[in-house]
């Protein structure tokens, strides 16, 4: 449930409601707007007397929340969340572009790519140090060595950094080097990993699972947030359908649907969604047009020789051209 306080409710009255909730073994989450404070209640609500709650001073109304996800719910937090990642932010008025190679291959390669994507307007550098691949014989990543390269490239070019993690050991290593953790599609419902990511102290980008519903996705985000980490960004990267023309089917309708259900930022990954570089530009433009808070795009200095996902990677020229073409879309969407 959520408890909506009256406009300009007194601080002591808000505290009294919060104390009553917590004295009954539940958790109270405050969302303080400019006019109204909302108190979200998480736990066994049968322990509370709504009749008693309604008698507290400055309580306006009590609203039940039927969805299983609470902390990620827009009802709990009516204002859009802005997530700070290193030197940048992801939120309702920003234009975030996360760019870089699928896999970190060498220090020189990553420095070259970081310089190019920064020049073209990227705000964050992506790069995989741990690569969960379909085949066990495919390149699995440089692990901690790759993380060191990520840190160096990010510092050199003033880019926030993000890397996928696949285990507790990977999280423990990544927190020393990068600004944000990524939970990939294959691990969206790895609940132990989600909890550990929530405890890491770093912002988390949570990709949608290959066959996950939006409600399942938001409940996965809830696992992270329930560990005390409110800094979650959702990433639509395509879902598995019967269609084989593209790698996955990019569900752009998920963006406006999520905007009605959650306060968390939503970005789109057209690279993994389509699996083909020529489809990335139109899908990136469509993502911005339908309200996405940012994009994640794979960029490589030589896609034909990439150790991972070369066919869906843009080269420097194509990436630069795309970022220029995106400018009017960002402006029309009201992005700074």
C-alpha atoms as a PDB file:
ATOM      1  CA  UNK A   1       0.000   0.000   0.000  1.00  0.00           C
ATOM      2  CA  UNK A   2       0.952   3.654  -0.215  1.00  0.00           C
ATOM      3  CA  UNK A   3      -0.045   6.402   2.172  1.00  0.00           C
ATOM      4  CA  UNK A   4      -0.506   9.800   0.565  1.00  0.00           C
ATOM      5  CA  UNK A   5       0.033  12.646   2.978  1.00  0.00           C
ATOM      6  CA  UNK A   6      -1.779  15.949   2.638  1.00  0.00           C
ATOM      7  CA  UNK A   7      -0.018  18.813   0.830  1.00  0.00           C
ATOM      8  CA  UNK A   8       2.543  20.503   3.070  1.00  0.00           C
ATOM      9  CA  UNK A   9       2.129  17.812   5.746  1.00  0.00           C
ATOM     10  CA  UNK A  10       4.057  18.543   8.928  1.00  0.00           C
ATOM     11  CA  UNK A  11       7.349  16.683   9.313  1.00  0.00           C
ATOM     12  CA  UNK A  12       6.385  15.340  12.724  1.00  0.00           C
ATOM     13  CA  UNK A  13       3.160  13.877  11.321  1.00  0.00           C
ATOM     14  CA  UNK A  14       5.070  12.125   8.529  1.00  0.00           C
ATOM     15  CA  UNK A  15       7.498  10.758  11.115  1.00  0.00           C
ATOM     16  CA  UNK A  16       4.631   9.507  13.271  1.00  0.00           C
ATOM     17  CA  UNK A  17       3.168   7.505  10.379  1.00  0.00           C
ATOM     18  CA  UNK A  18       6.606   6.132   9.479  1.00  0.00           C
ATOM     19  CA  UNK A  19       7.253   5.096  13.091  1.00  0.00           C
ATOM     20  CA  UNK A  20       3.886   3.334  13.314  1.00  0.00           C
ATOM     21  CA  UNK A  21       4.625   1.339  10.150  1.00  0.00           C
ATOM     22  CA  UNK A  22       8.077   0.308  11.351  1.00  0.00           C
ATOM     23  CA  UNK A  23       6.866  -0.544  14.867  1.00  0.00           C
ATOM     24  CA  UNK A  24       4.678  -3.197  13.251  1.00  0.00           C
ATOM     25  CA  UNK A  25       7.633  -4.841  11.532  1.00  0.00           C
ATOM     26  CA  UNK A  26       7.165  -3.319   8.071  1.00  0.00           C
ATOM     27  CA  UNK A  27       9.401  -1.041   6.014  1.00  0.00           C
ATOM     28  CA  UNK A  28       8.440   2.533   5.135  1.00  0.00           C
ATOM     29  CA  UNK A  29       9.855   4.219   2.011  1.00  0.00           C
ATOM     30  CA  UNK A  30       9.425   7.978   1.752  1.00  0.00           C
ATOM     31  CA  UNK A  31       9.059   9.767  -1.566  1.00  0.00           C
ATOM     32  CA  UNK A  32       9.071  13.489  -0.904  1.00  0.00           C
ATOM     33  CA  UNK A  33       7.782  15.716  -3.694  1.00  0.00           C
ATOM     34  CA  UNK A  34       7.604  19.488  -3.707  1.00  0.00           C
ATOM     35  CA  UNK A  35       4.017  19.410  -2.463  1.00  0.00           C
ATOM     36  CA  UNK A  36       3.138  15.890  -1.359  1.00  0.00           C
ATOM     37  CA  UNK A  37       4.940  13.130   0.522  1.00  0.00           C
ATOM     38  CA  UNK A  38       4.106   9.517  -0.277  1.00  0.00           C
ATOM     39  CA  UNK A  39       4.964   6.711   2.137  1.00  0.00           C
ATOM     40  CA  UNK A  40       5.286   3.289   0.573  1.00  0.00           C
ATOM     41  CA  UNK A  41       4.732   0.273   2.796  1.00  0.00           C
ATOM     42  CA  UNK A  42       6.617  -2.974   2.141  1.00  0.00           C
ATOM     43  CA  UNK A  43       5.889  -6.128   4.112  1.00  0.00           C
ATOM     44  CA  UNK A  44       2.930  -8.047   5.534  1.00  0.00           C
ATOM     45  CA  UNK A  45       0.241  -5.365   5.453  1.00  0.00           C
ATOM     46  CA  UNK A  46      -2.160  -7.507   7.497  1.00  0.00           C
ATOM     47  CA  UNK A  47      -0.174  -6.333  10.520  1.00  0.00           C
ATOM     48  CA  UNK A  48      -1.413  -2.775   9.970  1.00  0.00           C
ATOM     49  CA  UNK A  49      -4.816  -1.330  10.725  1.00  0.00           C
ATOM     50  CA  UNK A  50      -5.765   0.917   7.831  1.00  0.00           C
ATOM     51  CA  UNK A  51      -8.544   2.376   9.993  1.00  0.00           C
ATOM     52  CA  UNK A  52      -5.933   3.372  12.562  1.00  0.00           C
ATOM     53  CA  UNK A  53      -3.609   4.755   9.900  1.00  0.00           C
ATOM     54  CA  UNK A  54      -6.366   6.926   8.490  1.00  0.00           C
ATOM     55  CA  UNK A  55      -6.681   8.659  11.875  1.00  0.00           C
ATOM     56  CA  UNK A  56      -3.101   9.987  11.831  1.00  0.00           C
ATOM     57  CA  UNK A  57      -2.804  13.716  11.304  1.00  0.00           C
ATOM     58  CA  UNK A  58      -2.157  14.855   7.721  1.00  0.00           C
ATOM     59  CA  UNK A  59      -2.962  11.464   6.162  1.00  0.00           C
ATOM     60  CA  UNK A  60      -4.903  12.205   2.974  1.00  0.00           C
ATOM     61  CA  UNK A  61      -5.658   8.706   1.646  1.00  0.00           C
ATOM     62  CA  UNK A  62      -4.466   5.102   1.614  1.00  0.00           C
ATOM     63  CA  UNK A  63      -4.044   3.400  -1.763  1.00  0.00           C
ATOM     64  CA  UNK A  64      -3.586  -0.370  -2.200  1.00  0.00           C
ATOM     65  CA  UNK A  65      -0.807  -1.541  -4.529  1.00  0.00           C
ATOM     66  CA  UNK A  66      -1.721  -4.796  -6.216  1.00  0.00           C
ATOM     67  CA  UNK A  67       1.493  -5.269  -8.213  1.00  0.00           C
ATOM     68  CA  UNK A  68       4.087  -7.587  -6.680  1.00  0.00           C
ATOM     69  CA  UNK A  69       6.893  -5.083  -7.304  1.00  0.00           C
ATOM     70  CA  UNK A  70       6.798  -2.167  -4.870  1.00  0.00           C
ATOM     71  CA  UNK A  71      10.021  -0.157  -4.796  1.00  0.00           C
ATOM     72  CA  UNK A  72      10.180  -0.033  -8.597  1.00  0.00           C
ATOM     73  CA  UNK A  73       6.536   0.967  -8.809  1.00  0.00           C
ATOM     74  CA  UNK A  74       5.595   4.424 -10.087  1.00  0.00           C
ATOM     75  CA  UNK A  75       2.885   4.564  -7.404  1.00  0.00           C
ATOM     76  CA  UNK A  76       5.580   4.428  -4.730  1.00  0.00           C
ATOM     77  CA  UNK A  77       7.758   7.046  -6.410  1.00  0.00           C
ATOM     78  CA  UNK A  78       5.748   9.349  -8.713  1.00  0.00           C
ATOM     79  CA  UNK A  79       8.752  11.397  -9.858  1.00  0.00           C
ATOM     80  CA  UNK A  80      11.155   9.880 -12.425  1.00  0.00           C
ATOM     81  CA  UNK A  81      14.402   8.639 -10.929  1.00  0.00           C
ATOM     82  CA  UNK A  82      17.693  10.102 -12.107  1.00  0.00           C
ATOM     83  CA  UNK A  83      20.592   7.661 -11.747  1.00  0.00           C
ATOM     84  CA  UNK A  84      24.066   9.123 -11.359  1.00  0.00           C
ATOM     85  CA  UNK A  85      26.809   7.023 -12.937  1.00  0.00           C
ATOM     86  CA  UNK A  86      30.311   8.352 -12.424  1.00  0.00           C
ATOM     87  CA  UNK A  87      30.501  11.687 -14.214  1.00  0.00           C
ATOM     88  CA  UNK A  88      27.113  11.470 -15.929  1.00  0.00           C
ATOM     89  CA  UNK A  89      23.415  10.923 -15.255  1.00  0.00           C
ATOM     90  CA  UNK A  90      20.639   8.825 -16.780  1.00  0.00           C
ATOM     91  CA  UNK A  91      17.154  10.207 -16.466  1.00  0.00           C
ATOM     92  CA  UNK A  92      14.161  11.973 -17.998  1.00  0.00           C
ATOM     93  CA  UNK A  93      15.947  14.995 -19.454  1.00  0.00           C
ATOM     94  CA  UNK A  94      19.332  13.559 -20.431  1.00  0.00           C
ATOM     95  CA  UNK A  95      20.547  12.067 -23.697  1.00  0.00           C
ATOM     96  CA  UNK A  96      22.603   9.050 -22.670  1.00  0.00           C
ATOM     97  CA  UNK A  97      24.632   7.084 -25.205  1.00  0.00           C
ATOM     98  CA  UNK A  98      26.538   4.068 -23.907  1.00  0.00           C
ATOM     99  CA  UNK A  99      28.976   2.914 -26.577  1.00  0.00           C
ATOM    100  CA  UNK A 100      31.904   0.549 -26.960  1.00  0.00           C
ATOM    101  CA  UNK A 101      32.865  -2.967 -27.956  1.00  0.00           C
ATOM    102  CA  UNK A 102      30.978  -6.093 -26.983  1.00  0.00           C
ATOM    103  CA  UNK A 103      34.234  -7.478 -25.580  1.00  0.00           C
ATOM    104  CA  UNK A 104      37.398  -5.766 -24.392  1.00  0.00           C
ATOM    105  CA  UNK A 105      40.173  -7.248 -26.511  1.00  0.00           C
ATOM    106  CA  UNK A 106      43.239  -5.169 -25.589  1.00  0.00           C
ATOM    107  CA  UNK A 107      44.228  -1.913 -23.934  1.00  0.00           C
ATOM    108  CA  UNK A 108      45.177  -0.257 -27.227  1.00  0.00           C
ATOM    109  CA  UNK A 109      41.905  -1.293 -28.841  1.00  0.00           C
ATOM    110  CA  UNK A 110      39.797   0.054 -25.970  1.00  0.00           C
ATOM    111  CA  UNK A 111      41.680   3.360 -25.855  1.00  0.00           C
ATOM    112  CA  UNK A 112      41.115   3.787 -29.588  1.00  0.00           C
ATOM    113  CA  UNK A 113      37.389   3.074 -29.277  1.00  0.00           C
ATOM    114  CA  UNK A 114      36.957   5.251 -26.174  1.00  0.00           C
ATOM    115  CA  UNK A 115      38.525   8.220 -27.964  1.00  0.00           C
ATOM    116  CA  UNK A 116      36.265   7.746 -30.998  1.00  0.00           C
ATOM    117  CA  UNK A 117      32.977   7.330 -29.134  1.00  0.00           C
ATOM    118  CA  UNK A 118      33.733  10.263 -26.837  1.00  0.00           C
ATOM    119  CA  UNK A 119      34.399  12.457 -29.870  1.00  0.00           C
ATOM    120  CA  UNK A 120      31.033  11.441 -31.328  1.00  0.00           C
ATOM    121  CA  UNK A 121      29.018  12.218 -28.195  1.00  0.00           C
ATOM    122  CA  UNK A 122      28.940   9.069 -26.077  1.00  0.00           C
ATOM    123  CA  UNK A 123      28.549   9.677 -22.349  1.00  0.00           C
ATOM    124  CA  UNK A 124      29.487   6.183 -21.169  1.00  0.00           C
ATOM    125  CA  UNK A 125      31.925   3.485 -22.264  1.00  0.00           C
ATOM    126  CA  UNK A 126      30.780  -0.146 -22.383  1.00  0.00           C
ATOM    127  CA  UNK A 127      33.001  -3.167 -22.713  1.00  0.00           C
ATOM    128  CA  UNK A 128      32.658  -6.801 -21.749  1.00  0.00           C
ATOM    129  CA  UNK A 129      35.323  -8.290 -19.504  1.00  0.00           C
ATOM    130  CA  UNK A 130      33.188 -11.333 -18.659  1.00  0.00           C
ATOM    131  CA  UNK A 131      31.390 -12.776 -21.678  1.00  0.00           C
ATOM    132  CA  UNK A 132      28.661 -15.401 -21.138  1.00  0.00           C
ATOM    133  CA  UNK A 133      28.676 -16.928 -24.633  1.00  0.00           C
ATOM    134  CA  UNK A 134      26.392 -19.503 -26.212  1.00  0.00           C
ATOM    135  CA  UNK A 135      29.374 -21.701 -27.038  1.00  0.00           C
ATOM    136  CA  UNK A 136      31.933 -22.600 -24.336  1.00  0.00           C
ATOM    137  CA  UNK A 137      34.615 -22.361 -27.028  1.00  0.00           C
ATOM    138  CA  UNK A 138      33.917 -18.722 -27.877  1.00  0.00           C
ATOM    139  CA  UNK A 139      36.017 -15.883 -26.424  1.00  0.00           C
ATOM    140  CA  UNK A 140      35.038 -15.526 -22.758  1.00  0.00           C
ATOM    141  CA  UNK A 141      36.652 -12.177 -21.976  1.00  0.00           C
ATOM    142  CA  UNK A 142      39.810 -10.854 -20.324  1.00  0.00           C
ATOM    143  CA  UNK A 143      38.167 -10.687 -16.880  1.00  0.00           C
ATOM    144  CA  UNK A 144      40.016  -8.473 -14.362  1.00  0.00           C
ATOM    145  CA  UNK A 145      42.639  -7.467 -16.910  1.00  0.00           C
ATOM    146  CA  UNK A 146      39.830  -6.139 -19.098  1.00  0.00           C
ATOM    147  CA  UNK A 147      38.377  -4.237 -16.135  1.00  0.00           C
ATOM    148  CA  UNK A 148      41.700  -2.471 -15.642  1.00  0.00           C
ATOM    149  CA  UNK A 149      41.643  -1.417 -19.276  1.00  0.00           C
ATOM    150  CA  UNK A 150      38.094  -0.104 -18.801  1.00  0.00           C
ATOM    151  CA  UNK A 151      39.133   2.000 -15.835  1.00  0.00           C
ATOM    152  CA  UNK A 152      42.125   3.455 -17.672  1.00  0.00           C
ATOM    153  CA  UNK A 153      40.113   4.317 -20.805  1.00  0.00           C
ATOM    154  CA  UNK A 154      37.307   5.876 -18.794  1.00  0.00           C
ATOM    155  CA  UNK A 155      39.709   8.114 -16.892  1.00  0.00           C
ATOM    156  CA  UNK A 156      41.637   9.049 -20.019  1.00  0.00           C
ATOM    157  CA  UNK A 157      38.561  10.265 -21.910  1.00  0.00           C
ATOM    158  CA  UNK A 158      36.201  11.319 -19.128  1.00  0.00           C
ATOM    159  CA  UNK A 159      33.663   8.581 -19.691  1.00  0.00           C
ATOM    160  CA  UNK A 160      31.664   6.685 -17.086  1.00  0.00           C
ATOM    161  CA  UNK A 161      32.166   2.933 -17.472  1.00  0.00           C
ATOM    162  CA  UNK A 162      29.936  -0.133 -17.390  1.00  0.00           C
ATOM    163  CA  UNK A 163      30.702  -3.843 -17.548  1.00  0.00           C
ATOM    164  CA  UNK A 164      28.583  -6.980 -17.345  1.00  0.00           C
ATOM    165  CA  UNK A 165      29.041  -9.235 -14.317  1.00  0.00           C
ATOM    166  CA  UNK A 166      28.186 -12.920 -14.202  1.00  0.00           C
ATOM    167  CA  UNK A 167      29.149 -14.035 -10.680  1.00  0.00           C
ATOM    168  CA  UNK A 168      29.888 -12.807  -7.163  1.00  0.00           C
ATOM    169  CA  UNK A 169      33.598 -12.960  -7.989  1.00  0.00           C
ATOM    170  CA  UNK A 170      33.021 -10.763 -11.042  1.00  0.00           C
ATOM    171  CA  UNK A 171      31.107  -8.224  -8.932  1.00  0.00           C
ATOM    172  CA  UNK A 172      33.879  -8.120  -6.331  1.00  0.00           C
ATOM    173  CA  UNK A 173      36.396  -7.386  -9.075  1.00  0.00           C
ATOM    174  CA  UNK A 174      34.234  -4.945 -11.058  1.00  0.00           C
ATOM    175  CA  UNK A 175      33.449  -2.616  -8.139  1.00  0.00           C
ATOM    176  CA  UNK A 176      37.143  -1.744  -8.006  1.00  0.00           C
ATOM    177  CA  UNK A 177      37.258  -0.520 -11.589  1.00  0.00           C
ATOM    178  CA  UNK A 178      33.932   0.499 -13.176  1.00  0.00           C
ATOM    179  CA  UNK A 179      31.104   2.926 -12.390  1.00  0.00           C
ATOM    180  CA  UNK A 180      28.134   0.676 -13.174  1.00  0.00           C
ATOM    181  CA  UNK A 181      27.340  -3.031 -13.237  1.00  0.00           C
ATOM    182  CA  UNK A 182      25.350  -4.703 -15.981  1.00  0.00           C
ATOM    183  CA  UNK A 183      23.183  -7.765 -15.452  1.00  0.00           C
ATOM    184  CA  UNK A 184      22.756  -9.435 -18.828  1.00  0.00           C
ATOM    185  CA  UNK A 185      19.630 -10.979 -20.310  1.00  0.00           C
ATOM    186  CA  UNK A 186      20.714 -14.516 -19.439  1.00  0.00           C
ATOM    187  CA  UNK A 187      21.025 -13.559 -15.765  1.00  0.00           C
ATOM    188  CA  UNK A 188      17.919 -11.404 -15.376  1.00  0.00           C
ATOM    189  CA  UNK A 189      16.354 -14.011 -13.097  1.00  0.00           C
ATOM    190  CA  UNK A 190      19.549 -15.116 -11.389  1.00  0.00           C
ATOM    191  CA  UNK A 191      18.191 -13.904  -8.075  1.00  0.00           C
ATOM    192  CA  UNK A 192      21.367 -14.549  -6.081  1.00  0.00           C
ATOM    193  CA  UNK A 193      23.333 -12.425  -8.562  1.00  0.00           C
ATOM    194  CA  UNK A 194      20.684  -9.697  -8.442  1.00  0.00           C
ATOM    195  CA  UNK A 195      20.938  -9.526  -4.659  1.00  0.00           C
ATOM    196  CA  UNK A 196      24.729  -9.322  -4.777  1.00  0.00           C
ATOM    197  CA  UNK A 197      24.528  -6.555  -7.381  1.00  0.00           C
ATOM    198  CA  UNK A 198      22.111  -4.718  -5.119  1.00  0.00           C
ATOM    199  CA  UNK A 199      24.609  -4.922  -2.259  1.00  0.00           C
ATOM    200  CA  UNK A 200      27.533  -3.731  -4.394  1.00  0.00           C
ATOM    201  CA  UNK A 201      26.887  -0.033  -3.915  1.00  0.00           C
ATOM    202  CA  UNK A 202      27.130   0.633  -7.665  1.00  0.00           C
ATOM    203  CA  UNK A 203      24.291   1.546 -10.035  1.00  0.00           C
ATOM    204  CA  UNK A 204      22.964  -1.453 -11.961  1.00  0.00           C
ATOM    205  CA  UNK A 205      21.781  -1.726 -15.555  1.00  0.00           C
ATOM    206  CA  UNK A 206      19.326  -4.600 -15.800  1.00  0.00           C
ATOM    207  CA  UNK A 207      18.711  -6.069 -19.242  1.00  0.00           C
ATOM    208  CA  UNK A 208      15.411  -7.731 -20.049  1.00  0.00           C
ATOM    209  CA  UNK A 209      15.509 -11.520 -20.213  1.00  0.00           C
ATOM    210  CA  UNK A 210      15.119 -13.231 -23.573  1.00  0.00           C
ATOM    211  CA  UNK A 211      11.594 -14.432 -22.780  1.00  0.00           C
ATOM    212  CA  UNK A 212      10.702 -12.224 -19.816  1.00  0.00           C
ATOM    213  CA  UNK A 213       7.442 -10.357 -19.406  1.00  0.00           C
ATOM    214  CA  UNK A 214       7.581  -6.747 -18.272  1.00  0.00           C
ATOM    215  CA  UNK A 215       6.241  -7.734 -14.847  1.00  0.00           C
ATOM    216  CA  UNK A 216       8.963 -10.388 -14.455  1.00  0.00           C
ATOM    217  CA  UNK A 217      11.538  -7.788 -15.452  1.00  0.00           C
ATOM    218  CA  UNK A 218      10.284  -5.281 -12.890  1.00  0.00           C
ATOM    219  CA  UNK A 219      10.282  -7.951 -10.191  1.00  0.00           C
ATOM    220  CA  UNK A 220      13.918  -8.666 -11.067  1.00  0.00           C
ATOM    221  CA  UNK A 221      14.635  -4.959 -10.532  1.00  0.00           C
ATOM    222  CA  UNK A 222      12.847  -5.254  -7.193  1.00  0.00           C
ATOM    223  CA  UNK A 223      15.415  -7.836  -6.054  1.00  0.00           C
ATOM    224  CA  UNK A 224      18.184  -5.283  -6.576  1.00  0.00           C
ATOM    225  CA  UNK A 225      16.269  -2.431  -4.960  1.00  0.00           C
ATOM    226  CA  UNK A 226      15.218  -4.549  -1.977  1.00  0.00           C
ATOM    227  CA  UNK A 227      18.909  -4.742  -1.031  1.00  0.00           C
ATOM    228  CA  UNK A 228      18.943  -0.970  -0.531  1.00  0.00           C
ATOM    229  CA  UNK A 229      20.084   0.024  -4.014  1.00  0.00           C
ATOM    230  CA  UNK A 230      17.626   2.432  -5.726  1.00  0.00           C
ATOM    231  CA  UNK A 231      19.927   3.099  -8.701  1.00  0.00           C
ATOM    232  CA  UNK A 232      18.595   0.711 -11.326  1.00  0.00           C
ATOM    233  CA  UNK A 233      18.311   1.359 -15.067  1.00  0.00           C
ATOM    234  CA  UNK A 234      16.235  -0.943 -17.266  1.00  0.00           C
ATOM    235  CA  UNK A 235      17.470  -1.937 -20.730  1.00  0.00           C
ATOM    236  CA  UNK A 236      15.209  -3.313 -23.467  1.00  0.00           C
ATOM    237  CA  UNK A 237      17.379  -5.470 -25.747  1.00  0.00           C
ATOM    238  CA  UNK A 238      14.882  -7.507 -27.693  1.00  0.00           C
ATOM    239  CA  UNK A 239      12.969 -10.653 -26.833  1.00  0.00           C
ATOM    240  CA  UNK A 240      12.906 -14.078 -28.429  1.00  0.00           C
ATOM    241  CA  UNK A 241       9.996 -14.674 -30.809  1.00  0.00           C
ATOM    242  CA  UNK A 242       9.334 -16.880 -33.827  1.00  0.00           C
ATOM    243  CA  UNK A 243      10.843 -14.200 -36.127  1.00  0.00           C
ATOM    244  CA  UNK A 244      14.296 -15.020 -37.525  1.00  0.00           C
ATOM    245  CA  UNK A 245      14.961 -11.956 -39.700  1.00  0.00           C
ATOM    246  CA  UNK A 246      16.668 -10.279 -36.757  1.00  0.00           C
ATOM    247  CA  UNK A 247      18.600 -11.674 -33.822  1.00  0.00           C
ATOM    248  CA  UNK A 248      15.745 -10.798 -31.458  1.00  0.00           C
ATOM    249  CA  UNK A 249      12.519  -8.825 -31.722  1.00  0.00           C
ATOM    250  CA  UNK A 250      12.964  -5.319 -30.346  1.00  0.00           C
ATOM    251  CA  UNK A 251       9.925  -4.551 -28.187  1.00  0.00           C
ATOM    252  CA  UNK A 252       9.800  -0.762 -28.374  1.00  0.00           C
ATOM    253  CA  UNK A 253       6.295  -0.806 -26.892  1.00  0.00           C
ATOM    254  CA  UNK A 254       8.000  -1.787 -23.635  1.00  0.00           C
ATOM    255  CA  UNK A 255       9.327   1.768 -23.294  1.00  0.00           C
ATOM    256  CA  UNK A 256       5.958   3.585 -22.983  1.00  0.00           C
ATOM    257  CA  UNK A 257       4.523   0.668 -21.005  1.00  0.00           C
ATOM    258  CA  UNK A 258       7.358   0.939 -18.493  1.00  0.00           C
ATOM    259  CA  UNK A 259       6.911   4.701 -18.274  1.00  0.00           C
ATOM    260  CA  UNK A 260       3.392   4.002 -16.957  1.00  0.00           C
ATOM    261  CA  UNK A 261       4.555   1.402 -14.453  1.00  0.00           C
ATOM    262  CA  UNK A 262       7.928   2.482 -13.048  1.00  0.00           C
ATOM    263  CA  UNK A 263       9.956   5.536 -12.156  1.00  0.00           C
ATOM    264  CA  UNK A 264      13.213   3.870 -13.223  1.00  0.00           C
ATOM    265  CA  UNK A 265      15.083   5.098 -16.326  1.00  0.00           C
ATOM    266  CA  UNK A 266      14.672   2.993 -19.465  1.00  0.00           C
ATOM    267  CA  UNK A 267      17.251   2.647 -22.234  1.00  0.00           C
ATOM    268  CA  UNK A 268      17.289   0.573 -25.443  1.00  0.00           C
ATOM    269  CA  UNK A 269      20.002  -1.633 -26.957  1.00  0.00           C
ATOM    270  CA  UNK A 270      19.326  -1.824 -30.716  1.00  0.00           C
ATOM    271  CA  UNK A 271      22.579  -3.700 -31.332  1.00  0.00           C
ATOM    272  CA  UNK A 272      21.693  -6.889 -29.465  1.00  0.00           C
ATOM    273  CA  UNK A 273      18.076  -6.557 -30.478  1.00  0.00           C
ATOM    274  CA  UNK A 274      18.682  -6.636 -34.230  1.00  0.00           C
ATOM    275  CA  UNK A 275      22.049  -8.390 -34.508  1.00  0.00           C
ATOM    276  CA  UNK A 276      22.838  -6.441 -37.688  1.00  0.00           C
ATOM    277  CA  UNK A 277      24.588  -3.066 -37.857  1.00  0.00           C
ATOM    278  CA  UNK A 278      22.390  -1.786 -40.711  1.00  0.00           C
ATOM    279  CA  UNK A 279      19.268  -2.001 -38.527  1.00  0.00           C
ATOM    280  CA  UNK A 280      20.821  -0.217 -35.556  1.00  0.00           C
ATOM    281  CA  UNK A 281      20.311   3.407 -36.779  1.00  0.00           C
ATOM    282  CA  UNK A 282      16.572   3.194 -37.520  1.00  0.00           C
ATOM    283  CA  UNK A 283      15.876   1.334 -34.280  1.00  0.00           C
ATOM    284  CA  UNK A 284      17.976   3.826 -32.285  1.00  0.00           C
ATOM    285  CA  UNK A 285      15.961   6.720 -33.724  1.00  0.00           C
ATOM    286  CA  UNK A 286      12.689   4.926 -32.992  1.00  0.00           C
ATOM    287  CA  UNK A 287      13.816   4.264 -29.404  1.00  0.00           C
ATOM    288  CA  UNK A 288      14.496   7.951 -28.773  1.00  0.00           C
ATOM    289  CA  UNK A 289      11.209   8.903 -30.443  1.00  0.00           C
ATOM    290  CA  UNK A 290       9.173   6.595 -28.181  1.00  0.00           C
ATOM    291  CA  UNK A 291      10.688   8.003 -24.992  1.00  0.00           C
ATOM    292  CA  UNK A 292      13.811   5.995 -24.139  1.00  0.00           C
ATOM    293  CA  UNK A 293      16.185   7.718 -21.732  1.00  0.00           C
ATOM    294  CA  UNK A 294      19.232   6.465 -23.600  1.00  0.00           C
ATOM    295  CA  UNK A 295      20.831   4.006 -25.967  1.00  0.00           C
ATOM    296  CA  UNK A 296      23.436   1.260 -25.697  1.00  0.00           C
ATOM    297  CA  UNK A 297      25.283   0.780 -28.982  1.00  0.00           C
ATOM    298  CA  UNK A 298      28.131  -1.553 -29.859  1.00  0.00           C
ATOM    299  CA  UNK A 299      31.051   0.154 -31.588  1.00  0.00           C
ATOM    300  CA  UNK A 300      34.258  -1.483 -32.808  1.00  0.00           C
ATOM    301  CA  UNK A 301      37.311  -0.209 -34.651  1.00  0.00           C
ATOM    302  CA  UNK A 302      37.216  -3.225 -37.002  1.00  0.00           C
ATOM    303  CA  UNK A 303      33.878  -5.070 -36.750  1.00  0.00           C
ATOM    304  CA  UNK A 304      34.897  -7.720 -39.283  1.00  0.00           C
ATOM    305  CA  UNK A 305      37.644  -8.896 -36.904  1.00  0.00           C
ATOM    306  CA  UNK A 306      35.819  -8.441 -33.591  1.00  0.00           C
ATOM    307  CA  UNK A 307      36.105 -11.329 -31.143  1.00  0.00           C
ATOM    308  CA  UNK A 308      32.440 -10.937 -30.213  1.00  0.00           C
ATOM    309  CA  UNK A 309      29.339  -9.628 -32.016  1.00  0.00           C
ATOM    310  CA  UNK A 310      31.095  -8.015 -34.960  1.00  0.00           C
ATOM    311  CA  UNK A 311      28.050  -8.158 -37.299  1.00  0.00           C
ATOM    312  CA  UNK A 312      26.011  -5.881 -35.033  1.00  0.00           C
ATOM    313  CA  UNK A 313      28.790  -3.383 -34.269  1.00  0.00           C
ATOM    314  CA  UNK A 314      29.098   0.030 -35.893  1.00  0.00           C
ATOM    315  CA  UNK A 315      32.477   1.258 -37.049  1.00  0.00           C
ATOM    316  CA  UNK A 316      33.600   4.758 -36.085  1.00  0.00           C
ATOM    317  CA  UNK A 317      32.252   6.426 -39.208  1.00  0.00           C
ATOM    318  CA  UNK A 318      28.814   4.833 -38.907  1.00  0.00           C
ATOM    319  CA  UNK A 319      28.608   5.651 -35.203  1.00  0.00           C
ATOM    320  CA  UNK A 320      29.537   9.283 -35.782  1.00  0.00           C
ATOM    321  CA  UNK A 321      26.964   9.533 -38.560  1.00  0.00           C
ATOM    322  CA  UNK A 322      24.292   8.030 -36.311  1.00  0.00           C
ATOM    323  CA  UNK A 323      24.926  10.417 -33.422  1.00  0.00           C
ATOM    324  CA  UNK A 324      24.568  13.351 -35.810  1.00  0.00           C
ATOM    325  CA  UNK A 325      21.315  11.967 -37.199  1.00  0.00           C
ATOM    326  CA  UNK A 326      19.996  11.445 -33.673  1.00  0.00           C
ATOM    327  CA  UNK A 327      20.311  15.113 -32.644  1.00  0.00           C
ATOM    328  CA  UNK A 328      16.903  16.286 -33.924  1.00  0.00           C
ATOM    329  CA  UNK A 329      15.274  13.214 -32.361  1.00  0.00           C
ATOM    330  CA  UNK A 330      16.782  14.041 -28.967  1.00  0.00           C
ATOM    331  CA  UNK A 331      15.641  17.663 -29.313  1.00  0.00           C
ATOM    332  CA  UNK A 332      12.087  16.715 -30.250  1.00  0.00           C
ATOM    333  CA  UNK A 333      12.019  14.356 -27.244  1.00  0.00           C
ATOM    334  CA  UNK A 334      13.018  17.257 -24.961  1.00  0.00           C
ATOM    335  CA  UNK A 335      16.446  15.887 -24.107  1.00  0.00           C
ATOM    336  CA  UNK A 336      19.297  18.192 -23.088  1.00  0.00           C
END
